[in-house]
Amino acid sequence: MGTPVLSVERLAKQYRLRHREDDAAYATLRDTIAGAAAAPLQWLRGTRRPAVSFDEFWALRDVSFDVAAGEVVGIIGRNGAGKSTLLKILSRITEPTRGRVTLGGRVASLLEVGTGFHPELSGRENIFLNAAILGMSRAETTRKFDEIVAFAEVDRFLDTPVKRYSSGMYVRLAFAVAAHLEPEILVVDEVLAVGDAEFQKRCLGKMHEVSRGGRTVLFVSHNMAAIQALCSRGIWLDRGSVSADGTAADSIRRYLASSSDRSATSNGPLSLGPALDLLRFELSPNPVTSGGPVDFTIEFQARSATRISELALMIYSPLEVRVGLVDLRPSGFPLALAANERRTLRGVIKSLPLVEGEYDCGFGINSTDYVGDKLNLFALTVAARPPLGGVVPYAAVDRGYVEVEFAMHQL
């Protein structure tokens, strides 16, 4: 690989978590002062003060890897796996407990929306302020000022204080400054979590442009499709350690396999808020033929009276991208359930036009006491169509079934 532009050797970061044995949820300044004043009297009386204990928490444990110039590396993992801690150490924001990081060039970081911005200053003033924080000279910032403004698309609000910017405007301006720094290493943490589709497309394009110029990109995201499209290499962090380091596709596959405990059926009870439990959710047959029909069974039990107004099947690709949405509401919705009532919904989706492969299934529900999604409830396997484009015959369903017209929305 030659001389790496970034080298991480046995990196570790430890935090100490403080616990008090009393029942106080928090201590105000007044309580702290009063406690300090009363301490001598408590010592004389032998009154026991609340004990304080500490736990050790290792955010990173012996993380080692090298990155070559021009590599685009995706860093993936669950929340709390240590991804942001690693990037903060690489950006010299946080000191490691032990280990060493060797950087072979200038680093530009985009870790949090608006980092380095002063809310009272205008967009124009914050461009120069943020660029100076990142290490860009005033002459360099002036030369690239028009490009930064054009990329961020905030020219109309350039002299408006950034405290009045939306989160999308904030991140557009922050990314524009960082991307135009021309660093040897660009560190990006979840920049695609904010902004519209057009901005996300331009972000990916800019990161491609940075990598083609021989510079290095470290990209953290929960968007597996973006990681696979942008990155040639993937590093999977799990509980502070490197669990996989290889091609982006291989690391993603191993990460998703570890985080997916899937079966053909979801057997409850699964709480859907204070009033409702899911007892059963099933698609049959599984595997289903591409373009063929599939039956569904959903069984609910109400703990107290409630009403279900919306119900939809959600289908996700192995990269956790939603590829389909099926409205499962039969006639007669909204569905009212009395306390302790059990209700089973059965129906058939006449045609499931998904290409051959593996999918994750969940559903979205809107009830009186709960609005939300339940993802990764079970796996659905879609098999290829019969040869010569044969059509799978549709069998009449039993009475009591609801025929659901398939309605898929491509995203």
Protein backbone atom coordinates (compact mmCIF):
# COMPACT_ATOMS: atom_id res chain seq x y z
CA MET A 1 0.00 0.00 0.00
CA GLY A 2 3.02 2.29 0.36
CA THR A 3 3.32 4.92 3.03
CA PRO A 4 -0.11 5.46 4.64
CA VAL A 5 -1.50 8.97 4.94
CA LEU A 6 -3.25 7.90 8.15
CA SER A 7 -2.03 5.30 10.62
CA VAL A 8 -3.91 4.22 13.76
CA GLU A 9 -2.02 2.00 16.22
CA ARG A 10 -3.70 0.27 19.18
CA LEU A 11 -5.97 3.24 19.82
CA ALA A 12 -8.07 3.17 23.01
CA LYS A 13 -10.29 5.67 24.76
CA GLN A 14 -11.63 5.26 28.29
CA TYR A 15 -14.29 7.30 30.06
CA ARG A 16 -15.16 7.22 33.76
CA LEU A 17 -18.87 7.09 34.59
CA ARG A 18 -19.71 8.59 37.97
CA HIS A 19 -22.49 7.10 40.13
CA ARG A 20 -23.91 8.24 43.47
CA GLU A 21 -25.58 5.79 45.83
CA ASP A 22 -28.20 8.25 47.06
CA ASP A 23 -31.48 8.82 45.26
CA ALA A 24 -30.73 12.34 44.04
CA ALA A 25 -31.27 12.58 40.31
CA TYR A 26 -29.16 15.72 40.10
CA ALA A 27 -27.44 18.25 42.32
CA THR A 28 -27.97 21.98 41.96
CA LEU A 29 -25.29 24.58 42.69
CA ARG A 30 -27.13 25.46 45.91
CA ASP A 31 -27.08 21.80 47.00
CA THR A 32 -23.37 21.54 46.25
CA ILE A 33 -22.53 24.69 48.27
CA ALA A 34 -24.75 23.63 51.15
CA GLY A 35 -23.21 20.16 51.14
CA ALA A 36 -19.68 21.58 51.24
CA ALA A 37 -20.59 23.86 54.16
CA ALA A 38 -22.19 21.02 56.09
CA ALA A 39 -19.35 18.56 55.47
CA PRO A 40 -17.29 19.44 58.58
CA LEU A 41 -20.36 19.04 60.84
CA GLN A 42 -21.23 15.72 59.20
CA TRP A 43 -17.67 14.52 59.78
CA LEU A 44 -17.84 15.48 63.48
CA ARG A 45 -21.20 13.77 63.93
CA GLY A 46 -20.09 10.72 62.00
CA THR A 47 -22.89 11.17 59.50
CA ARG A 48 -22.22 9.07 56.41
CA ARG A 49 -22.18 11.04 53.13
CA PRO A 50 -23.49 9.47 49.94
CA ALA A 51 -20.84 7.23 48.46
CA VAL A 52 -19.56 7.92 44.95
CA SER A 53 -18.47 5.10 42.67
CA PHE A 54 -17.01 5.04 39.19
CA ASP A 55 -17.35 2.65 36.28
CA GLU A 56 -14.86 2.34 33.48
CA PHE A 57 -16.27 2.57 29.97
CA TRP A 58 -14.04 1.84 26.98
CA ALA A 59 -15.39 3.64 23.91
CA LEU A 60 -12.47 2.25 21.84
CA ARG A 61 -10.29 -0.81 22.45
CA ASP A 62 -7.05 -1.47 20.55
CA VAL A 63 -8.22 -0.10 17.20
CA SER A 64 -5.55 -0.36 14.49
CA PHE A 65 -5.66 0.30 10.74
CA ASP A 66 -3.82 2.18 7.98
CA VAL A 67 -5.36 4.26 5.21
CA ALA A 68 -3.60 5.07 1.94
CA ALA A 69 -3.80 8.35 0.05
CA GLY A 70 -6.88 8.50 -2.15
CA GLU A 71 -8.80 5.79 -0.28
CA VAL A 72 -12.44 6.35 0.59
CA VAL A 73 -13.15 4.40 3.77
CA GLY A 74 -16.61 3.90 5.23
CA ILE A 75 -16.88 3.37 9.00
CA ILE A 76 -20.02 1.56 10.05
CA GLY A 77 -21.49 0.16 13.25
CA ARG A 78 -24.34 0.50 15.70
CA ASN A 79 -24.97 3.60 17.78
CA GLY A 80 -22.41 3.62 20.59
CA ALA A 81 -19.90 1.48 18.69
CA GLY A 82 -17.21 4.18 18.93
CA LYS A 83 -17.42 5.71 15.45
CA SER A 84 -17.77 9.34 16.53
CA THR A 85 -15.16 8.91 19.27
CA LEU A 86 -12.70 7.62 16.67
CA LEU A 87 -13.33 10.58 14.37
CA LYS A 88 -12.95 13.06 17.23
CA ILE A 89 -9.56 11.57 18.07
CA LEU A 90 -8.50 11.67 14.41
CA SER A 91 -9.63 15.31 14.27
CA ARG A 92 -7.58 16.10 17.42
CA ILE A 93 -10.66 17.13 19.37
CA THR A 94 -10.30 14.34 21.96
CA GLU A 95 -7.11 12.84 23.37
CA PRO A 96 -6.83 9.03 23.34
CA THR A 97 -6.24 7.13 26.56
CA ARG A 98 -3.53 5.16 24.84
CA GLY A 99 -2.34 4.39 21.34
CA ARG A 100 -1.08 6.60 18.56
CA VAL A 101 -2.43 8.34 15.46
CA THR A 102 -0.09 9.43 12.67
CA LEU A 103 -1.50 11.93 10.17
CA GLY A 104 0.26 12.62 6.89
CA GLY A 105 -1.45 15.87 5.99
CA ARG A 106 -4.04 18.49 6.81
CA VAL A 107 -7.35 17.22 8.20
CA ALA A 108 -10.76 18.81 7.63
CA SER A 109 -13.60 17.53 9.81
CA LEU A 110 -17.35 17.81 9.60
CA LEU A 111 -18.53 16.08 12.75
CA GLU A 112 -21.57 18.01 13.96
CA VAL A 113 -23.89 20.50 12.34
CA GLY A 114 -22.67 24.04 12.90
CA THR A 115 -19.45 23.13 14.74
CA GLY A 116 -17.25 26.22 14.71
CA PHE A 117 -20.12 28.59 13.87
CA HIS A 118 -21.02 31.58 16.02
CA PRO A 119 -24.81 31.96 16.05
CA GLU A 120 -24.73 35.76 16.23
CA LEU A 121 -22.43 36.13 13.20
CA SER A 122 -23.67 36.16 9.62
CA GLY A 123 -23.08 33.41 7.11
CA ARG A 124 -20.37 35.51 5.45
CA GLU A 125 -18.53 36.06 8.75
CA ASN A 126 -18.87 32.40 9.75
CA ILE A 127 -17.32 31.24 6.47
CA PHE A 128 -14.14 33.11 7.36
CA LEU A 129 -14.32 32.06 11.03
CA ASN A 130 -14.90 28.37 10.29
CA ALA A 131 -12.27 28.33 7.55
CA ALA A 132 -9.72 29.84 9.95
CA ILE A 133 -10.57 27.21 12.59
CA LEU A 134 -10.02 24.49 9.97
CA GLY A 135 -6.64 25.97 9.05
CA MET A 136 -7.43 27.90 5.87
CA SER A 137 -5.70 31.26 5.38
CA ARG A 138 -7.76 34.40 4.76
CA ALA A 139 -6.36 34.71 1.23
CA GLU A 140 -7.31 31.11 0.48
CA THR A 141 -10.81 31.64 1.89
CA THR A 142 -11.27 34.81 -0.17
CA ARG A 143 -10.19 33.01 -3.34
CA LYS A 144 -12.71 30.18 -2.78
CA PHE A 145 -15.47 32.28 -1.24
CA ASP A 146 -17.71 32.33 -4.32
CA GLU A 147 -17.38 28.54 -4.79
CA ILE A 148 -18.31 27.94 -1.14
CA VAL A 149 -21.37 30.17 -1.36
CA ALA A 150 -22.48 28.60 -4.65
CA PHE A 151 -22.16 25.09 -3.24
CA ALA A 152 -24.02 25.94 -0.03
CA GLU A 153 -26.76 27.86 -1.89
CA VAL A 154 -27.13 30.43 0.90
CA ASP A 155 -26.30 33.54 -1.14
CA ARG A 156 -29.66 35.19 -0.30
CA PHE A 157 -29.00 34.75 3.42
CA LEU A 158 -25.28 35.47 3.42
CA ASP A 159 -25.61 38.49 5.70
CA THR A 160 -28.21 36.88 7.99
CA PRO A 161 -27.11 35.59 11.42
CA VAL A 162 -26.76 31.81 11.22
CA LYS A 163 -28.91 31.38 14.34
CA ARG A 164 -31.82 31.97 11.95
CA TYR A 165 -30.65 29.25 9.53
CA SER A 166 -32.43 25.93 9.29
CA SER A 167 -30.45 22.76 10.11
CA GLY A 168 -30.20 22.07 6.38
CA MET A 169 -28.68 25.49 5.69
CA TYR A 170 -26.29 25.01 8.60
CA VAL A 171 -24.94 21.72 7.32
CA ARG A 172 -24.75 22.92 3.70
CA LEU A 173 -22.57 25.84 4.73
CA ALA A 174 -20.43 23.74 7.10
CA PHE A 175 -19.87 21.03 4.48
CA ALA A 176 -19.09 23.59 1.78
CA VAL A 177 -16.33 25.17 3.89
CA ALA A 178 -14.81 21.82 4.90
CA ALA A 179 -14.95 20.39 1.37
CA HIS A 180 -13.23 23.43 -0.17
CA LEU A 181 -10.36 23.37 2.30
CA GLU A 182 -8.58 20.88 0.00
CA PRO A 183 -7.30 18.77 2.90
CA GLU A 184 -5.30 15.61 2.49
CA ILE A 185 -7.84 13.90 4.80
CA LEU A 186 -11.55 14.72 4.88
CA VAL A 187 -13.47 13.34 7.89
CA VAL A 188 -17.27 13.33 7.55
CA ASP A 189 -19.72 12.09 10.19
CA GLU A 190 -23.35 11.59 9.08
CA VAL A 191 -23.48 14.61 6.79
CA LEU A 192 -26.20 12.86 4.77
CA ALA A 193 -28.51 12.80 7.79
CA VAL A 194 -29.46 16.42 7.10
CA GLY A 195 -30.38 18.03 3.82
CA ASP A 196 -32.54 17.26 0.83
CA ALA A 197 -31.88 14.70 -1.90
CA GLU A 198 -30.19 17.23 -4.20
CA PHE A 199 -27.77 18.33 -1.48
CA GLN A 200 -26.95 14.73 -0.57
CA LYS A 201 -26.21 14.02 -4.24
CA ARG A 202 -23.85 17.01 -4.39
CA CYS A 203 -22.15 15.89 -1.15
CA LEU A 204 -21.46 12.45 -2.61
CA GLY A 205 -20.22 14.04 -5.82
CA LYS A 206 -17.89 16.34 -3.91
CA MET A 207 -16.47 13.43 -1.90
CA HIS A 208 -15.90 11.51 -5.16
CA GLU A 209 -14.10 14.58 -6.51
CA VAL A 210 -11.96 14.82 -3.37
CA SER A 211 -10.94 11.16 -3.61
CA ARG A 212 -10.16 11.40 -7.34
CA GLY A 213 -7.77 14.22 -6.50
CA GLY A 214 -5.69 11.79 -4.45
CA ARG A 215 -7.07 12.86 -1.09
CA THR A 216 -8.46 10.55 1.59
CA VAL A 217 -12.05 10.44 2.87
CA LEU A 218 -13.28 8.84 6.10
CA PHE A 219 -17.06 8.62 5.95
CA VAL A 220 -19.35 7.56 8.81
CA SER A 221 -22.98 6.85 7.95
CA HIS A 222 -25.89 4.56 8.79
CA ASN A 223 -26.91 4.72 5.12
CA MET A 224 -25.49 1.44 3.84
CA ALA A 225 -26.38 2.24 0.23
CA ALA A 226 -24.33 5.46 0.39
CA ILE A 227 -21.40 3.61 1.99
CA GLN A 228 -21.41 0.97 -0.73
CA ALA A 229 -21.76 3.54 -3.53
CA LEU A 230 -19.02 5.84 -2.27
CA CYS A 231 -16.49 3.69 -0.42
CA SER A 232 -14.04 1.10 -1.70
CA ARG A 233 -13.28 -0.12 1.83
CA GLY A 234 -15.34 -0.60 4.96
CA ILE A 235 -14.37 -0.79 8.62
CA TRP A 236 -17.00 -2.21 10.97
CA LEU A 237 -16.69 -1.11 14.60
CA ASP A 238 -18.49 -3.15 17.24
CA ARG A 239 -18.30 -2.23 20.94
CA GLY A 240 -15.19 -0.17 20.36
CA SER A 241 -13.22 -2.81 18.42
CA VAL A 242 -12.66 -3.51 14.74
CA SER A 243 -14.83 -6.50 13.79
CA ALA A 244 -14.24 -6.33 10.03
CA ASP A 245 -11.89 -4.46 7.71
CA GLY A 246 -12.21 -5.26 4.01
CA THR A 247 -14.18 -4.28 0.96
CA ALA A 248 -17.21 -2.11 1.63
CA ALA A 249 -19.58 -4.82 0.39
CA ASP A 250 -18.06 -7.51 2.61
CA SER A 251 -18.00 -5.35 5.75
CA ILE A 252 -21.62 -4.28 5.16
CA ARG A 253 -22.71 -7.88 4.64
CA ARG A 254 -21.08 -9.00 7.88
CA TYR A 255 -22.46 -6.03 9.82
CA LEU A 256 -26.02 -6.52 8.62
CA ALA A 257 -25.85 -10.27 9.24
CA SER A 258 -24.77 -9.64 12.83
CA SER A 259 -27.49 -7.10 13.53
CA SER A 260 -30.30 -9.09 11.97
CA ASP A 261 -32.07 -11.77 13.98
CA ARG A 262 -34.72 -12.55 11.42
CA SER A 263 -37.20 -15.32 10.80
CA ALA A 264 -40.11 -15.93 8.43
CA THR A 265 -42.61 -14.97 11.10
CA SER A 266 -42.75 -12.42 13.86
CA ASN A 267 -44.30 -14.01 16.94
CA GLY A 268 -45.25 -11.54 19.67
CA PRO A 269 -46.15 -10.17 21.94
CA LEU A 270 -44.53 -6.98 20.71
CA SER A 271 -45.62 -3.78 22.46
CA LEU A 272 -47.11 -1.10 20.23
CA GLY A 273 -47.60 1.50 22.92
CA PRO A 274 -49.56 1.37 26.18
CA ALA A 275 -52.76 -0.06 24.69
CA LEU A 276 -51.82 -2.56 21.96
CA ASP A 277 -49.71 -5.70 21.47
CA LEU A 278 -48.73 -7.43 18.23
CA LEU A 279 -49.17 -11.19 18.68
CA ARG A 280 -48.39 -12.37 15.15
CA PHE A 281 -47.25 -11.00 11.79
CA GLU A 282 -46.66 -13.39 8.89
CA LEU A 283 -46.35 -13.46 5.10
CA SER A 284 -47.04 -16.71 3.26
CA PRO A 285 -45.64 -18.29 1.17
CA ASN A 286 -42.11 -17.40 2.09
CA PRO A 287 -40.23 -17.61 -0.30
CA VAL A 288 -42.67 -15.88 -2.62
CA THR A 289 -42.34 -15.82 -6.41
CA SER A 290 -41.51 -12.45 -7.94
CA GLY A 291 -44.77 -10.97 -9.19
CA GLY A 292 -46.83 -13.59 -7.39
CA PRO A 293 -49.44 -13.26 -4.64
CA VAL A 294 -48.65 -13.39 -0.94
CA ASP A 295 -51.01 -13.83 2.01
CA PHE A 296 -50.57 -11.88 5.21
CA THR A 297 -51.77 -12.52 8.76
CA ILE A 298 -51.63 -9.92 11.52
CA GLU A 299 -52.95 -10.56 15.02
CA PHE A 300 -53.42 -7.82 17.62
CA GLN A 301 -54.57 -7.78 21.22
CA ALA A 302 -55.73 -4.61 22.96
CA ARG A 303 -54.81 -4.04 26.60
CA SER A 304 -57.24 -1.14 26.68
CA ALA A 305 -59.65 0.36 24.18
CA THR A 306 -57.87 1.73 21.13
CA ARG A 307 -58.35 2.48 17.47
CA ILE A 308 -56.02 1.68 14.54
CA SER A 309 -56.26 4.20 11.69
CA GLU A 310 -53.27 3.28 9.50
CA LEU A 311 -51.43 0.04 8.79
CA ALA A 312 -48.77 -0.60 6.15
CA LEU A 313 -46.21 -3.27 5.25
CA MET A 314 -42.72 -1.83 4.74
CA ILE A 315 -40.10 -3.66 2.69
CA TYR A 316 -36.37 -2.93 2.95
CA SER A 317 -33.38 -4.02 0.89
CA PRO A 318 -30.39 -5.72 2.58
CA LEU A 319 -28.76 -2.26 2.63
CA GLU A 320 -31.63 -1.00 4.81
CA VAL A 321 -33.10 1.14 2.03
CA ARG A 322 -36.90 1.13 1.90
CA VAL A 323 -37.96 -0.18 -1.50
CA GLY A 324 -41.70 -0.67 -1.03
CA LEU A 325 -44.74 0.27 0.99
CA VAL A 326 -48.02 -1.69 0.93
CA ASP A 327 -51.21 -0.26 2.39
CA LEU A 328 -52.83 -3.11 4.38
CA ARG A 329 -56.00 -1.30 5.40
CA PRO A 330 -59.14 -3.19 4.37
CA SER A 331 -62.53 -1.60 4.05
CA GLY A 332 -63.95 -0.83 7.46
CA PHE A 333 -60.85 1.00 8.70
CA PRO A 334 -60.30 2.66 11.16
CA LEU A 335 -60.34 -0.49 13.27
CA ALA A 336 -61.71 -0.13 16.82
CA LEU A 337 -60.70 -2.64 19.50
CA ALA A 338 -62.24 -2.94 22.94
CA ALA A 339 -60.19 -3.67 26.04
CA ASN A 340 -58.78 -7.26 26.01
CA GLU A 341 -60.13 -7.83 22.49
CA ARG A 342 -58.07 -9.96 20.12
CA ARG A 343 -58.37 -9.26 16.39
CA THR A 344 -56.84 -11.10 13.41
CA LEU A 345 -56.49 -9.46 9.99
CA ARG A 346 -55.98 -11.72 6.98
CA GLY A 347 -55.58 -10.69 3.38
CA VAL A 348 -53.73 -11.21 0.13
CA ILE A 349 -51.42 -8.93 -1.79
CA LYS A 350 -52.30 -9.82 -5.37
CA SER A 351 -48.84 -9.22 -6.80
CA LEU A 352 -45.49 -8.53 -5.19
CA PRO A 353 -43.27 -7.14 -7.99
CA LEU A 354 -39.89 -7.43 -6.25
CA VAL A 355 -36.76 -8.74 -7.95
CA GLU A 356 -35.19 -11.95 -6.72
CA GLY A 357 -33.36 -11.58 -3.41
CA GLU A 358 -33.61 -11.17 0.35
CA TYR A 359 -35.63 -8.41 2.00
CA ASP A 360 -36.41 -7.22 5.53
CA CYS A 361 -40.04 -6.67 6.43
CA GLY A 362 -41.68 -4.50 9.04
CA PHE A 363 -44.78 -2.40 9.31
CA GLY A 364 -45.96 1.06 10.19
CA ILE A 365 -48.98 1.69 12.38
CA ASN A 366 -50.97 4.66 13.60
CA SER A 367 -53.23 4.00 16.58
CA THR A 368 -54.81 6.09 19.29
CA ASP A 369 -51.81 5.67 21.60
CA TYR A 370 -48.94 4.88 19.25
CA VAL A 371 -47.47 6.11 15.96
CA GLY A 372 -44.34 4.45 14.66
CA ASP A 373 -42.54 1.81 12.65
CA LYS A 374 -41.45 -1.68 13.61
CA LEU A 375 -38.55 -2.69 11.39
CA ASN A 376 -36.71 -5.94 10.70
CA LEU A 377 -39.50 -8.11 12.10
CA PHE A 378 -38.76 -10.94 9.68
CA ALA A 379 -37.05 -11.80 6.40
CA LEU A 380 -38.80 -12.28 3.08
CA THR A 381 -37.20 -14.27 0.29
CA VAL A 382 -38.30 -13.51 -3.28
CA ALA A 383 -37.65 -16.23 -5.85
CA ALA A 384 -37.30 -15.69 -9.60
CA ARG A 385 -40.27 -15.97 -11.96
CA PRO A 386 -40.85 -19.24 -13.82
CA PRO A 387 -39.10 -19.56 -17.23
CA LEU A 388 -40.50 -17.75 -20.30
CA GLY A 389 -42.22 -15.16 -18.19
CA GLY A 390 -44.87 -17.56 -16.96
CA VAL A 391 -47.46 -16.08 -14.64
CA VAL A 392 -48.06 -17.64 -11.26
CA PRO A 393 -51.76 -18.58 -11.11
CA TYR A 394 -53.75 -16.62 -8.58
CA ALA A 395 -55.78 -18.86 -6.30
CA ALA A 396 -59.08 -17.65 -4.91
CA VAL A 397 -58.82 -16.80 -1.26
CA ASP A 398 -61.07 -18.00 1.52
CA ARG A 399 -63.98 -15.91 2.64
CA GLY A 400 -62.97 -13.47 5.30
CA TYR A 401 -59.81 -12.48 3.44
CA VAL A 402 -59.30 -8.96 2.22
CA GLU A 403 -57.89 -8.51 -1.28
CA VAL A 404 -55.29 -5.77 -1.09
CA GLU A 405 -54.44 -3.94 -4.26
CA PHE A 406 -50.65 -3.66 -4.27
CA ALA A 407 -49.40 -0.09 -4.07
CA MET A 408 -45.62 0.26 -4.05
CA HIS A 409 -43.93 3.62 -3.80
CA GLN A 410 -40.35 3.63 -5.08
CA LEU A 411 -38.13 5.81 -2.91
